[in-house]
Amino acid sequence: MKIIDSHCHIDRVDLAQFGGSIESMLNHAKEFSVEEFLCVCIDLEHFDDVFSLAKAHKKIYASVGVHPVEQEGKDPSIDELLKLANHDKIIAIGETGLDYFHVKKDGADWQRDRFKRHIAASNQSGKPMIIHTRDAKADTIKIMQEEQARAGVMHCFSEDWETAKAALDLGFYISFSGIITFKSASDLREVAKKVPADRLLIETDSPYLTPVPYRGRPNSPAYTYYVAEKLAEIRGVSINDIADTTTNNFKKLFSL
């Protein structure tokens, strides 16, 4: 069995719990059958850190993009994104999207403009997008439709079936995180039942959103196992089935 963490921030994981060694962290993940990782960029100031991890480790891939709530750093042009994405280990554009939880909708024109630039970079490069949406589902889908977003994943999905269906209709994948293990996430578990098997991905978003049974502690890619386990329970299949399905989907989406 092999599991892929389709969205994590390895550059931000506190390695103290692994003796300060990324190799120890990766070995810990392997003990849980988690063997490949997409380390996601959230600002250009730390892009080199993310890219260096991907170049140094065969099983780590990376993305390039600026998160919708990042306001202090560089705001990239389409050409800058395309230039930074021009490497085999950079397999995605993002994470990008809209977040009206941290930024009020009425003051978020810059956020919507940034999202559109990322969509253009994705379409021009042929590399799928990683989309973040929080309290902004209608505008997120609307911009994806208007800008003709072609490929990608709705990461750490926590919205309703209507939003999932709209993204699926655009050809996007849906990725579930440790949120599906939370007691309060019964509605989300119902959505997780309905997503077609060939569009499922799993992730940790580590070091954030640690799943049960480790909720409240720092997250790490190893715990993708518990997301897979819970998704298997929700869908009434084996964890091996979820592992195989999501691994194949990851390889297909990112052309690996």
C-alpha atoms as a PDB file:
ATOM      1  CA  MET A   1       0.000   0.000   0.000  1.00  0.00           C
ATOM      2  CA  LYS A   2       1.241   3.483  -0.884  1.00  0.00           C
ATOM      3  CA  ILE A   3      -0.352   6.789   0.159  1.00  0.00           C
ATOM      4  CA  ILE A   4       0.393  10.239  -1.269  1.00  0.00           C
ATOM      5  CA  ASP A   5      -0.032  13.417   0.741  1.00  0.00           C
ATOM      6  CA  SER A   6      -1.347  15.664  -2.033  1.00  0.00           C
ATOM      7  CA  HIS A   7      -0.998  18.897  -0.019  1.00  0.00           C
ATOM      8  CA  CYS A   8       1.429  19.649   2.786  1.00  0.00           C
ATOM      9  CA  HIS A   9       3.809  22.386   3.864  1.00  0.00           C
ATOM     10  CA  ILE A  10       6.911  20.378   4.732  1.00  0.00           C
ATOM     11  CA  ASP A  11       8.984  23.564   4.881  1.00  0.00           C
ATOM     12  CA  ARG A  12       6.817  24.682   7.826  1.00  0.00           C
ATOM     13  CA  VAL A  13       6.710  21.404   9.764  1.00  0.00           C
ATOM     14  CA  ASP A  14       8.551  21.663  13.089  1.00  0.00           C
ATOM     15  CA  LEU A  15      11.265  19.048  12.717  1.00  0.00           C
ATOM     16  CA  ALA A  16      12.114  19.126  16.436  1.00  0.00           C
ATOM     17  CA  GLN A  17       9.770  16.176  16.957  1.00  0.00           C
ATOM     18  CA  PHE A  18      11.916  14.279  14.429  1.00  0.00           C
ATOM     19  CA  GLY A  19      15.282  15.186  15.920  1.00  0.00           C
ATOM     20  CA  GLY A  20      15.650  18.084  13.514  1.00  0.00           C
ATOM     21  CA  SER A  21      15.910  15.742  10.535  1.00  0.00           C
ATOM     22  CA  ILE A  22      13.704  15.834   7.461  1.00  0.00           C
ATOM     23  CA  GLU A  23      14.890  12.303   6.665  1.00  0.00           C
ATOM     24  CA  SER A  24      13.472  11.166  10.015  1.00  0.00           C
ATOM     25  CA  MET A  25      10.182  12.878   9.202  1.00  0.00           C
ATOM     26  CA  LEU A  26      10.024  11.150   5.806  1.00  0.00           C
ATOM     27  CA  ASN A  27      10.886   7.796   7.387  1.00  0.00           C
ATOM     28  CA  HIS A  28       8.140   8.333   9.950  1.00  0.00           C
ATOM     29  CA  ALA A  29       5.701   8.964   7.100  1.00  0.00           C
ATOM     30  CA  LYS A  30       6.855   5.797   5.346  1.00  0.00           C
ATOM     31  CA  GLU A  31       5.991   3.797   8.469  1.00  0.00           C
ATOM     32  CA  PHE A  32       2.393   4.910   7.800  1.00  0.00           C
ATOM     33  CA  SER A  33       2.713   4.021   4.058  1.00  0.00           C
ATOM     34  CA  VAL A  34       2.914   7.720   3.093  1.00  0.00           C
ATOM     35  CA  GLU A  35       5.664   7.826   0.490  1.00  0.00           C
ATOM     36  CA  GLU A  36       5.146  10.832  -1.793  1.00  0.00           C
ATOM     37  CA  PHE A  37       4.366  14.464  -1.046  1.00  0.00           C
ATOM     38  CA  LEU A  38       3.314  17.678  -2.749  1.00  0.00           C
ATOM     39  CA  CYS A  39       4.923  20.512  -0.783  1.00  0.00           C
ATOM     40  CA  VAL A  40       2.813  23.563  -1.511  1.00  0.00           C
ATOM     41  CA  CYS A  41       4.145  27.103  -1.865  1.00  0.00           C
ATOM     42  CA  ILE A  42       2.199  29.957  -0.237  1.00  0.00           C
ATOM     43  CA  ASP A  43       4.496  32.931  -0.897  1.00  0.00           C
ATOM     44  CA  LEU A  44       7.382  33.723  -3.212  1.00  0.00           C
ATOM     45  CA  GLU A  45       9.655  34.678  -0.324  1.00  0.00           C
ATOM     46  CA  HIS A  46       9.789  30.983   0.668  1.00  0.00           C
ATOM     47  CA  PHE A  47       9.566  29.492  -2.822  1.00  0.00           C
ATOM     48  CA  ASP A  48      13.274  28.604  -2.823  1.00  0.00           C
ATOM     49  CA  ASP A  49      12.815  26.611   0.395  1.00  0.00           C
ATOM     50  CA  VAL A  50       9.961  24.621  -1.117  1.00  0.00           C
ATOM     51  CA  PHE A  51      11.756  24.108  -4.431  1.00  0.00           C
ATOM     52  CA  SER A  52      14.968  23.027  -2.692  1.00  0.00           C
ATOM     53  CA  LEU A  53      13.099  20.298  -0.825  1.00  0.00           C
ATOM     54  CA  ALA A  54      11.688  18.987  -4.092  1.00  0.00           C
ATOM     55  CA  LYS A  55      15.068  19.027  -5.806  1.00  0.00           C
ATOM     56  CA  ALA A  56      16.747  17.263  -2.870  1.00  0.00           C
ATOM     57  CA  HIS A  57      14.173  14.496  -2.417  1.00  0.00           C
ATOM     58  CA  LYS A  58      12.910  12.289  -5.220  1.00  0.00           C
ATOM     59  CA  LYS A  59       9.498  11.742  -3.615  1.00  0.00           C
ATOM     60  CA  ILE A  60       8.771  15.404  -2.862  1.00  0.00           C
ATOM     61  CA  TYR A  61       7.161  17.614  -5.518  1.00  0.00           C
ATOM     62  CA  ALA A  62       6.456  21.325  -5.251  1.00  0.00           C
ATOM     63  CA  SER A  63       4.153  24.079  -6.477  1.00  0.00           C
ATOM     64  CA  VAL A  64       4.518  27.798  -7.045  1.00  0.00           C
ATOM     65  CA  GLY A  65       1.972  30.399  -6.033  1.00  0.00           C
ATOM     66  CA  VAL A  66       0.854  32.986  -3.507  1.00  0.00           C
ATOM     67  CA  HIS A  67      -1.895  32.164  -1.016  1.00  0.00           C
ATOM     68  CA  PRO A  68      -4.952  34.447  -1.121  1.00  0.00           C
ATOM     69  CA  VAL A  69      -4.381  35.831   2.377  1.00  0.00           C
ATOM     70  CA  GLU A  70      -0.716  36.738   1.835  1.00  0.00           C
ATOM     71  CA  GLN A  71      -0.511  40.523   1.521  1.00  0.00           C
ATOM     72  CA  GLU A  72       2.972  41.507   2.678  1.00  0.00           C
ATOM     73  CA  GLY A  73       5.134  39.764   0.092  1.00  0.00           C
ATOM     74  CA  LYS A  74       5.552  39.863  -3.670  1.00  0.00           C
ATOM     75  CA  ASP A  75       2.428  39.610  -5.816  1.00  0.00           C
ATOM     76  CA  PRO A  76       3.473  37.663  -8.922  1.00  0.00           C
ATOM     77  CA  SER A  77       2.711  38.410 -12.544  1.00  0.00           C
ATOM     78  CA  ILE A  78       1.626  35.665 -14.918  1.00  0.00           C
ATOM     79  CA  ASP A  79       5.109  35.682 -16.488  1.00  0.00           C
ATOM     80  CA  GLU A  80       6.794  35.308 -13.095  1.00  0.00           C
ATOM     81  CA  LEU A  81       4.623  32.316 -12.236  1.00  0.00           C
ATOM     82  CA  LEU A  82       5.339  30.732 -15.603  1.00  0.00           C
ATOM     83  CA  LYS A  83       9.087  31.233 -15.211  1.00  0.00           C
ATOM     84  CA  LEU A  84       9.170  29.691 -11.728  1.00  0.00           C
ATOM     85  CA  ALA A  85       6.924  26.806 -12.804  1.00  0.00           C
ATOM     86  CA  ASN A  86       9.290  25.832 -15.619  1.00  0.00           C
ATOM     87  CA  HIS A  87      10.815  22.780 -13.937  1.00  0.00           C
ATOM     88  CA  ASP A  88       9.763  19.119 -13.790  1.00  0.00           C
ATOM     89  CA  LYS A  89       9.581  19.118  -9.976  1.00  0.00           C
ATOM     90  CA  ILE A  90       7.162  22.072  -9.974  1.00  0.00           C
ATOM     91  CA  ILE A  91       3.964  20.229 -10.783  1.00  0.00           C
ATOM     92  CA  ALA A  92       1.248  22.730  -9.812  1.00  0.00           C
ATOM     93  CA  ILE A  93       0.256  26.389  -9.617  1.00  0.00           C
ATOM     94  CA  GLY A  94      -0.871  27.585  -6.213  1.00  0.00           C
ATOM     95  CA  GLU A  95      -2.083  27.512  -3.700  1.00  0.00           C
ATOM     96  CA  THR A  96      -4.392  30.226  -4.895  1.00  0.00           C
ATOM     97  CA  GLY A  97      -8.058  31.115  -4.626  1.00  0.00           C
ATOM     98  CA  LEU A  98     -10.248  33.322  -2.456  1.00  0.00           C
ATOM     99  CA  ASP A  99     -10.527  33.775   1.303  1.00  0.00           C
ATOM    100  CA  TYR A 100     -13.210  36.097   2.659  1.00  0.00           C
ATOM    101  CA  PHE A 101     -12.686  34.845   6.216  1.00  0.00           C
ATOM    102  CA  HIS A 102      -9.444  36.789   6.589  1.00  0.00           C
ATOM    103  CA  VAL A 103     -10.163  39.503   3.995  1.00  0.00           C
ATOM    104  CA  LYS A 104     -13.595  41.106   3.614  1.00  0.00           C
ATOM    105  CA  LYS A 105     -15.195  40.529   0.217  1.00  0.00           C
ATOM    106  CA  ASP A 106     -15.677  44.232  -0.486  1.00  0.00           C
ATOM    107  CA  GLY A 107     -11.953  44.884  -0.097  1.00  0.00           C
ATOM    108  CA  ALA A 108     -10.734  41.818  -1.955  1.00  0.00           C
ATOM    109  CA  ASP A 109     -10.414  43.028  -5.565  1.00  0.00           C
ATOM    110  CA  TRP A 110      -6.661  42.415  -5.341  1.00  0.00           C
ATOM    111  CA  GLN A 111      -7.368  38.843  -4.220  1.00  0.00           C
ATOM    112  CA  ARG A 112      -9.656  38.174  -7.173  1.00  0.00           C
ATOM    113  CA  ASP A 113      -7.104  39.684  -9.584  1.00  0.00           C
ATOM    114  CA  ARG A 114      -4.368  37.471  -8.143  1.00  0.00           C
ATOM    115  CA  PHE A 115      -6.585  34.406  -8.508  1.00  0.00           C
ATOM    116  CA  LYS A 116      -7.198  35.213 -12.174  1.00  0.00           C
ATOM    117  CA  ARG A 117      -3.449  35.532 -12.806  1.00  0.00           C
ATOM    118  CA  HIS A 118      -2.861  32.118 -11.284  1.00  0.00           C
ATOM    119  CA  ILE A 119      -5.596  30.620 -13.465  1.00  0.00           C
ATOM    120  CA  ALA A 120      -3.949  32.143 -16.542  1.00  0.00           C
ATOM    121  CA  ALA A 121      -0.563  30.744 -15.500  1.00  0.00           C
ATOM    122  CA  SER A 122      -2.110  27.320 -14.968  1.00  0.00           C
ATOM    123  CA  ASN A 123      -3.833  27.351 -18.355  1.00  0.00           C
ATOM    124  CA  GLN A 124      -0.706  28.555 -20.161  1.00  0.00           C
ATOM    125  CA  SER A 125       1.695  26.161 -18.426  1.00  0.00           C
ATOM    126  CA  GLY A 126      -0.633  23.164 -18.471  1.00  0.00           C
ATOM    127  CA  LYS A 127       0.095  22.621 -14.774  1.00  0.00           C
ATOM    128  CA  PRO A 128      -2.940  22.045 -12.536  1.00  0.00           C
ATOM    129  CA  MET A 129      -4.092  24.528  -9.918  1.00  0.00           C
ATOM    130  CA  ILE A 130      -4.342  24.076  -6.165  1.00  0.00           C
ATOM    131  CA  ILE A 131      -7.372  26.064  -5.023  1.00  0.00           C
ATOM    132  CA  HIS A 132      -8.089  27.366  -1.528  1.00  0.00           C
ATOM    133  CA  THR A 133     -11.565  28.705  -0.821  1.00  0.00           C
ATOM    134  CA  ARG A 134     -12.936  29.903   2.506  1.00  0.00           C
ATOM    135  CA  ASP A 135     -16.211  31.767   2.956  1.00  0.00           C
ATOM    136  CA  ALA A 136     -16.008  32.513  -0.777  1.00  0.00           C
ATOM    137  CA  LYS A 137     -17.440  29.485  -2.539  1.00  0.00           C
ATOM    138  CA  ALA A 138     -19.750  31.335  -4.960  1.00  0.00           C
ATOM    139  CA  ASP A 139     -17.088  33.775  -6.166  1.00  0.00           C
ATOM    140  CA  THR A 140     -14.462  31.035  -6.352  1.00  0.00           C
ATOM    141  CA  ILE A 141     -16.593  28.919  -8.670  1.00  0.00           C
ATOM    142  CA  LYS A 142     -17.726  31.973 -10.655  1.00  0.00           C
ATOM    143  CA  ILE A 143     -14.154  33.058 -11.380  1.00  0.00           C
ATOM    144  CA  MET A 144     -13.116  29.488 -12.223  1.00  0.00           C
ATOM    145  CA  GLN A 145     -15.958  29.381 -14.747  1.00  0.00           C
ATOM    146  CA  GLU A 146     -15.377  32.848 -16.201  1.00  0.00           C
ATOM    147  CA  GLU A 147     -11.609  32.399 -16.524  1.00  0.00           C
ATOM    148  CA  GLN A 148     -12.038  28.865 -17.911  1.00  0.00           C
ATOM    149  CA  ALA A 149      -9.914  27.125 -15.299  1.00  0.00           C
ATOM    150  CA  ARG A 150      -9.017  23.801 -16.863  1.00  0.00           C
ATOM    151  CA  ALA A 151      -7.445  21.515 -14.285  1.00  0.00           C
ATOM    152  CA  GLY A 152      -6.670  21.248 -10.623  1.00  0.00           C
ATOM    153  CA  VAL A 153      -7.847  20.362  -7.155  1.00  0.00           C
ATOM    154  CA  MET A 154     -10.086  21.964  -4.548  1.00  0.00           C
ATOM    155  CA  HIS A 155      -7.734  21.453  -1.622  1.00  0.00           C
ATOM    156  CA  CYS A 156      -8.783  20.794   1.967  1.00  0.00           C
ATOM    157  CA  PHE A 157     -12.393  20.714   0.814  1.00  0.00           C
ATOM    158  CA  SER A 158     -14.885  21.820   3.479  1.00  0.00           C
ATOM    159  CA  GLU A 159     -17.802  23.173   1.449  1.00  0.00           C
ATOM    160  CA  ASP A 160     -21.178  21.725   0.424  1.00  0.00           C
ATOM    161  CA  TRP A 161     -22.091  19.265  -2.310  1.00  0.00           C
ATOM    162  CA  GLU A 162     -23.290  22.047  -4.617  1.00  0.00           C
ATOM    163  CA  THR A 163     -19.804  23.569  -4.603  1.00  0.00           C
ATOM    164  CA  ALA A 164     -18.147  20.193  -5.051  1.00  0.00           C
ATOM    165  CA  LYS A 165     -20.425  19.397  -7.981  1.00  0.00           C
ATOM    166  CA  ALA A 166     -19.645  22.733  -9.662  1.00  0.00           C
ATOM    167  CA  ALA A 167     -15.914  22.053  -9.334  1.00  0.00           C
ATOM    168  CA  LEU A 168     -16.315  18.487 -10.581  1.00  0.00           C
ATOM    169  CA  ASP A 169     -18.245  19.790 -13.600  1.00  0.00           C
ATOM    170  CA  LEU A 170     -15.185  21.908 -14.449  1.00  0.00           C
ATOM    171  CA  GLY A 171     -12.998  18.795 -14.347  1.00  0.00           C
ATOM    172  CA  PHE A 172     -11.479  19.466 -10.931  1.00  0.00           C
ATOM    173  CA  TYR A 173     -10.561  16.974  -8.232  1.00  0.00           C
ATOM    174  CA  ILE A 174     -11.666  17.178  -4.588  1.00  0.00           C
ATOM    175  CA  SER A 175      -9.139  16.668  -1.792  1.00  0.00           C
ATOM    176  CA  PHE A 176     -10.137  15.798   1.759  1.00  0.00           C
ATOM    177  CA  SER A 177      -8.037  16.519   4.830  1.00  0.00           C
ATOM    178  CA  GLY A 178      -8.155  15.642   8.516  1.00  0.00           C
ATOM    179  CA  ILE A 179     -11.304  17.750   8.803  1.00  0.00           C
ATOM    180  CA  ILE A 180     -13.324  14.672   7.812  1.00  0.00           C
ATOM    181  CA  THR A 181     -12.258  13.042  11.099  1.00  0.00           C
ATOM    182  CA  PHE A 182     -13.629  15.919  13.204  1.00  0.00           C
ATOM    183  CA  LYS A 183     -16.831  15.282  15.153  1.00  0.00           C
ATOM    184  CA  SER A 184     -18.380  18.473  13.765  1.00  0.00           C
ATOM    185  CA  ALA A 185     -17.871  17.462  10.111  1.00  0.00           C
ATOM    186  CA  SER A 186     -20.892  15.213   9.553  1.00  0.00           C
ATOM    187  CA  ASP A 187     -22.109  17.286   6.578  1.00  0.00           C
ATOM    188  CA  LEU A 188     -18.671  17.119   4.970  1.00  0.00           C
ATOM    189  CA  ARG A 189     -18.599  13.350   5.397  1.00  0.00           C
ATOM    190  CA  GLU A 190     -21.825  13.198   3.388  1.00  0.00           C
ATOM    191  CA  VAL A 191     -20.088  15.123   0.595  1.00  0.00           C
ATOM    192  CA  ALA A 192     -17.130  12.718   0.788  1.00  0.00           C
ATOM    193  CA  LYS A 193     -19.508   9.830   0.077  1.00  0.00           C
ATOM    194  CA  LYS A 194     -20.673  11.400  -3.185  1.00  0.00           C
ATOM    195  CA  VAL A 195     -17.455  12.465  -4.913  1.00  0.00           C
ATOM    196  CA  PRO A 196     -16.655  10.057  -7.776  1.00  0.00           C
ATOM    197  CA  ALA A 197     -13.784   7.727  -6.925  1.00  0.00           C
ATOM    198  CA  ASP A 198     -11.754   8.921  -9.909  1.00  0.00           C
ATOM    199  CA  ARG A 199     -11.737  12.507  -8.565  1.00  0.00           C
ATOM    200  CA  LEU A 200     -10.670  11.889  -4.959  1.00  0.00           C
ATOM    201  CA  LEU A 201      -7.443  13.047  -3.336  1.00  0.00           C
ATOM    202  CA  ILE A 202      -6.276  13.067   0.286  1.00  0.00           C
ATOM    203  CA  GLU A 203      -3.958  15.400   2.166  1.00  0.00           C
ATOM    204  CA  THR A 204      -2.820  16.622   5.566  1.00  0.00           C
ATOM    205  CA  ASP A 205      -2.249  20.355   4.969  1.00  0.00           C
ATOM    206  CA  SER A 206       0.391  19.770   7.652  1.00  0.00           C
ATOM    207  CA  PRO A 207       1.465  21.270   9.953  1.00  0.00           C
ATOM    208  CA  TYR A 208      -2.191  22.368  10.209  1.00  0.00           C
ATOM    209  CA  LEU A 209      -5.498  20.496  10.698  1.00  0.00           C
ATOM    210  CA  THR A 210      -4.216  17.407  12.480  1.00  0.00           C
ATOM    211  CA  PRO A 211      -6.696  14.533  12.189  1.00  0.00           C
ATOM    212  CA  VAL A 212      -8.170  12.481  14.995  1.00  0.00           C
ATOM    213  CA  PRO A 213      -6.584  10.699  16.898  1.00  0.00           C
ATOM    214  CA  TYR A 214      -3.822  13.322  17.106  1.00  0.00           C
ATOM    215  CA  ARG A 215      -5.970  16.428  16.926  1.00  0.00           C
ATOM    216  CA  GLY A 216      -4.493  19.241  19.003  1.00  0.00           C
ATOM    217  CA  ARG A 217      -0.922  18.217  18.227  1.00  0.00           C
ATOM    218  CA  PRO A 218       1.276  19.335  15.298  1.00  0.00           C
ATOM    219  CA  ASN A 219       0.348  17.635  12.041  1.00  0.00           C
ATOM    220  CA  SER A 220       2.778  15.804   9.784  1.00  0.00           C
ATOM    221  CA  PRO A 221       2.472  14.030   6.417  1.00  0.00           C
ATOM    222  CA  ALA A 222       2.398  10.612   8.107  1.00  0.00           C
ATOM    223  CA  TYR A 223      -1.121  11.340   9.280  1.00  0.00           C
ATOM    224  CA  THR A 224      -2.475  11.205   5.730  1.00  0.00           C
ATOM    225  CA  TYR A 225      -2.976   7.588   6.779  1.00  0.00           C
ATOM    226  CA  TYR A 226      -5.782   8.616   9.135  1.00  0.00           C
ATOM    227  CA  VAL A 227      -7.476  10.652   6.412  1.00  0.00           C
ATOM    228  CA  ALA A 228      -7.358   7.605   4.140  1.00  0.00           C
ATOM    229  CA  GLU A 229      -8.652   5.407   6.941  1.00  0.00           C
ATOM    230  CA  LYS A 230     -11.602   7.697   7.660  1.00  0.00           C
ATOM    231  CA  LEU A 231     -12.438   8.150   3.974  1.00  0.00           C
ATOM    232  CA  ALA A 232     -12.454   4.360   3.571  1.00  0.00           C
ATOM    233  CA  GLU A 233     -14.882   4.069   6.488  1.00  0.00           C
ATOM    234  CA  ILE A 234     -17.135   6.805   5.063  1.00  0.00           C
ATOM    235  CA  ARG A 235     -17.260   5.204   1.622  1.00  0.00           C
ATOM    236  CA  GLY A 236     -17.470   1.597   2.807  1.00  0.00           C
ATOM    237  CA  VAL A 237     -14.281   0.407   1.118  1.00  0.00           C
ATOM    238  CA  SER A 238     -10.869  -0.750   2.310  1.00  0.00           C
ATOM    239  CA  ILE A 239      -8.024   1.623   3.135  1.00  0.00           C
ATOM    240  CA  ASN A 240      -6.008  -0.162   0.438  1.00  0.00           C
ATOM    241  CA  ASP A 241      -8.676   0.822  -2.063  1.00  0.00           C
ATOM    242  CA  ILE A 242      -8.523   4.480  -0.999  1.00  0.00           C
ATOM    243  CA  ALA A 243      -4.713   4.402  -1.106  1.00  0.00           C
ATOM    244  CA  ASP A 244      -4.641   2.924  -4.616  1.00  0.00           C
ATOM    245  CA  THR A 245      -7.406   5.185  -5.927  1.00  0.00           C
ATOM    246  CA  THR A 246      -5.978   8.439  -4.593  1.00  0.00           C
ATOM    247  CA  THR A 247      -2.429   7.527  -5.647  1.00  0.00           C
ATOM    248  CA  ASN A 248      -3.586   6.820  -9.188  1.00  0.00           C
ATOM    249  CA  ASN A 249      -5.639  10.029  -9.234  1.00  0.00           C
ATOM    250  CA  PHE A 250      -2.640  12.082  -8.063  1.00  0.00           C
ATOM    251  CA  LYS A 251      -0.433  10.615 -10.793  1.00  0.00           C
ATOM    252  CA  LYS A 252      -3.086  11.276 -13.419  1.00  0.00           C
ATOM    253  CA  LEU A 253      -3.861  14.854 -12.375  1.00  0.00           C
ATOM    254  CA  PHE A 254      -0.222  15.902 -12.149  1.00  0.00           C
ATOM    255  CA  SER A 255       0.931  13.864 -15.177  1.00  0.00           C
ATOM    256  CA  LEU A 256       3.481  11.799 -13.245  1.00  0.00           C
END
